[in-house]
C-alpha atoms as a PDB file:
ATOM      1  CA  MET A   1      16.753  -1.784 -62.263  1.00  0.00           C
ATOM      2  CA  LEU A   2      19.714  -2.855 -64.388  1.00  0.00           C
ATOM      3  CA  MET A   3      19.265  -6.476 -63.321  1.00  0.00           C
ATOM      4  CA  ILE A   4      15.604  -6.416 -64.324  1.00  0.00           C
ATOM      5  CA  ALA A   5      16.504  -5.064 -67.752  1.00  0.00           C
ATOM      6  CA  LEU A   6      19.265  -7.653 -68.095  1.00  0.00           C
ATOM      7  CA  LYS A   7      16.902 -10.494 -67.156  1.00  0.00           C
ATOM      8  CA  LEU A   8      14.299  -9.280 -69.623  1.00  0.00           C
ATOM      9  CA  PHE A   9      16.916  -9.070 -72.366  1.00  0.00           C
ATOM     10  CA  LEU A  10      18.241 -12.563 -71.603  1.00  0.00           C
ATOM     11  CA  GLY A  11      14.719 -13.966 -71.485  1.00  0.00           C
ATOM     12  CA  LEU A  12      13.977 -12.521 -74.898  1.00  0.00           C
ATOM     13  CA  ALA A  13      17.319 -13.762 -76.225  1.00  0.00           C
ATOM     14  CA  PHE A  14      16.624 -17.320 -75.048  1.00  0.00           C
ATOM     15  CA  ALA A  15      13.096 -17.165 -76.471  1.00  0.00           C
ATOM     16  CA  GLY A  16      14.521 -16.062 -79.819  1.00  0.00           C
ATOM     17  CA  LEU A  17      17.104 -18.834 -79.706  1.00  0.00           C
ATOM     18  CA  GLY A  18      14.350 -21.363 -79.040  1.00  0.00           C
ATOM     19  CA  VAL A  19      12.310 -20.116 -81.985  1.00  0.00           C
ATOM     20  CA  TRP A  20      15.371 -20.245 -84.250  1.00  0.00           C
ATOM     21  CA  LEU A  21      16.225 -23.814 -83.195  1.00  0.00           C
ATOM     22  CA  TRP A  22      12.633 -25.011 -83.615  1.00  0.00           C
ATOM     23  CA  ARG A  23      12.297 -23.429 -87.062  1.00  0.00           C
ATOM     24  CA  ARG A  24      15.627 -24.926 -88.114  1.00  0.00           C
ATOM     25  CA  ALA A  25      14.506 -28.432 -87.073  1.00  0.00           C
ATOM     26  CA  ASP A  26      11.190 -27.912 -88.867  1.00  0.00           C
ATOM     27  CA  HIS A  27      13.031 -26.786 -92.002  1.00  0.00           C
ATOM     28  CA  TRP A  28      15.265 -29.859 -91.923  1.00  0.00           C
ATOM     29  CA  ASN A  29      12.237 -32.087 -91.438  1.00  0.00           C
ATOM     30  CA  ARG A  30      10.392 -30.525 -94.391  1.00  0.00           C
ATOM     31  CA  LEU A  31      13.441 -30.798 -96.661  1.00  0.00           C
ATOM     32  CA  GLY A  32      14.218 -34.325 -95.517  1.00  0.00           C
ATOM     33  CA  VAL A  33      17.904 -33.554 -95.101  1.00  0.00           C
ATOM     34  CA  VAL A  34      20.220 -32.233 -92.393  1.00  0.00           C
ATOM     35  CA  PRO A  35      22.730 -29.965 -94.196  1.00  0.00           C
ATOM     36  CA  GLU A  36      26.412 -30.840 -94.283  1.00  0.00           C
ATOM     37  CA  ASP A  37      27.455 -27.796 -92.224  1.00  0.00           C
ATOM     38  CA  SER A  38      25.255 -28.966 -89.327  1.00  0.00           C
ATOM     39  CA  VAL A  39      26.716 -32.492 -89.183  1.00  0.00           C
ATOM     40  CA  GLU A  40      29.707 -32.980 -86.910  1.00  0.00           C
ATOM     41  CA  ALA A  41      31.862 -35.814 -88.234  1.00  0.00           C
ATOM     42  CA  LYS A  42      35.340 -36.427 -89.631  1.00  0.00           C
ATOM     43  CA  ARG A  43      33.974 -36.291 -93.169  1.00  0.00           C
ATOM     44  CA  PRO A  44      30.612 -34.558 -92.912  1.00  0.00           C
ATOM     45  CA  ARG A  45      27.952 -35.263 -95.477  1.00  0.00           C
ATOM     46  CA  PRO A  46      24.269 -34.353 -95.491  1.00  0.00           C
ATOM     47  CA  TRP A  47      21.968 -36.709 -93.585  1.00  0.00           C
ATOM     48  CA  LEU A  48      18.982 -37.826 -95.610  1.00  0.00           C
ATOM     49  CA  ARG A  49      15.626 -38.847 -94.164  1.00  0.00           C
ATOM     50  CA  SER A  50      16.475 -42.492 -94.875  1.00  0.00           C
ATOM     51  CA  ASP A  51      19.776 -42.312 -92.947  1.00  0.00           C
ATOM     52  CA  ARG A  52      20.029 -43.686 -89.452  1.00  0.00           C
ATOM     53  CA  GLY A  53      19.937 -40.868 -86.908  1.00  0.00           C
ATOM     54  CA  PHE A  54      17.933 -38.368 -88.964  1.00  0.00           C
ATOM     55  CA  GLY A  55      14.957 -38.494 -86.585  1.00  0.00           C
ATOM     56  CA  ALA A  56      17.289 -38.254 -83.600  1.00  0.00           C
ATOM     57  CA  ALA A  57      18.887 -35.100 -85.043  1.00  0.00           C
ATOM     58  CA  ILE A  58      15.464 -33.492 -85.479  1.00  0.00           C
ATOM     59  CA  ALA A  59      14.396 -34.544 -81.973  1.00  0.00           C
ATOM     60  CA  TRP A  60      17.659 -33.209 -80.485  1.00  0.00           C
ATOM     61  CA  GLU A  61      17.233 -29.835 -82.189  1.00  0.00           C
ATOM     62  CA  ARG A  62      13.647 -29.561 -80.930  1.00  0.00           C
ATOM     63  CA  MET A  63      14.714 -30.583 -77.421  1.00  0.00           C
ATOM     64  CA  MET A  64      17.312 -27.806 -77.401  1.00  0.00           C
ATOM     65  CA  ALA A  65      14.578 -25.363 -78.475  1.00  0.00           C
ATOM     66  CA  ILE A  66      12.368 -26.473 -75.592  1.00  0.00           C
ATOM     67  CA  LEU A  67      15.287 -26.138 -73.173  1.00  0.00           C
ATOM     68  CA  ALA A  68      15.936 -22.587 -74.403  1.00  0.00           C
ATOM     69  CA  TRP A  69      12.236 -21.769 -73.865  1.00  0.00           C
ATOM     70  CA  VAL A  70      12.435 -23.159 -70.310  1.00  0.00           C
ATOM     71  CA  PHE A  71      15.336 -20.814 -69.547  1.00  0.00           C
ATOM     72  CA  ALA A  72      13.421 -17.921 -71.107  1.00  0.00           C
ATOM     73  CA  ALA A  73      10.431 -18.724 -68.904  1.00  0.00           C
ATOM     74  CA  LEU A  74      12.651 -18.870 -65.812  1.00  0.00           C
ATOM     75  CA  PHE A  75      14.068 -15.429 -66.606  1.00  0.00           C
ATOM     76  CA  MET A  76      10.567 -14.018 -67.098  1.00  0.00           C
ATOM     77  CA  VAL A  77       9.197 -15.579 -63.896  1.00  0.00           C
ATOM     78  CA  SER A  78      12.206 -14.304 -61.951  1.00  0.00           C
ATOM     79  CA  THR A  79      11.649 -10.809 -63.349  1.00  0.00           C
ATOM     80  CA  GLY A  80       7.964 -10.907 -62.483  1.00  0.00           C
ATOM     81  CA  LEU A  81       8.652 -12.066 -58.934  1.00  0.00           C
ATOM     82  CA  GLU A  82      11.280  -9.375 -58.494  1.00  0.00           C
ATOM     83  CA  LEU A  83       8.891  -6.699 -59.730  1.00  0.00           C
ATOM     84  CA  ILE A  84       6.154  -7.697 -57.257  1.00  0.00           C
ATOM     85  CA  GLY A  85       8.644  -7.873 -54.410  1.00  0.00           C
ATOM     86  CA  PHE A  86       9.143 -11.591 -53.717  1.00  0.00           C
ATOM     87  CA  LEU A  87      12.814 -11.569 -54.734  1.00  0.00           C
ATOM     88  CA  LEU A  88      15.400  -9.040 -53.614  1.00  0.00           C
END
């Protein structure tokens, strides 16, 4: 029973992470800038929409959101299968 609760919690945590990442990418896209604190470089500066790599940063953030949702779905499917008796 503890494992089922743990899987449900982790599934919800990954789903929340995915929503947070997707909303963050959407916010950056609407503003047209990736903030300085999200840029990893020797001398970070904000990336503007006209800068090279802006679209790639948005796509990467959205891809990480989708990956988090895939893990959330795997946790939920595993929990469902365990509840109906397919997994031990």
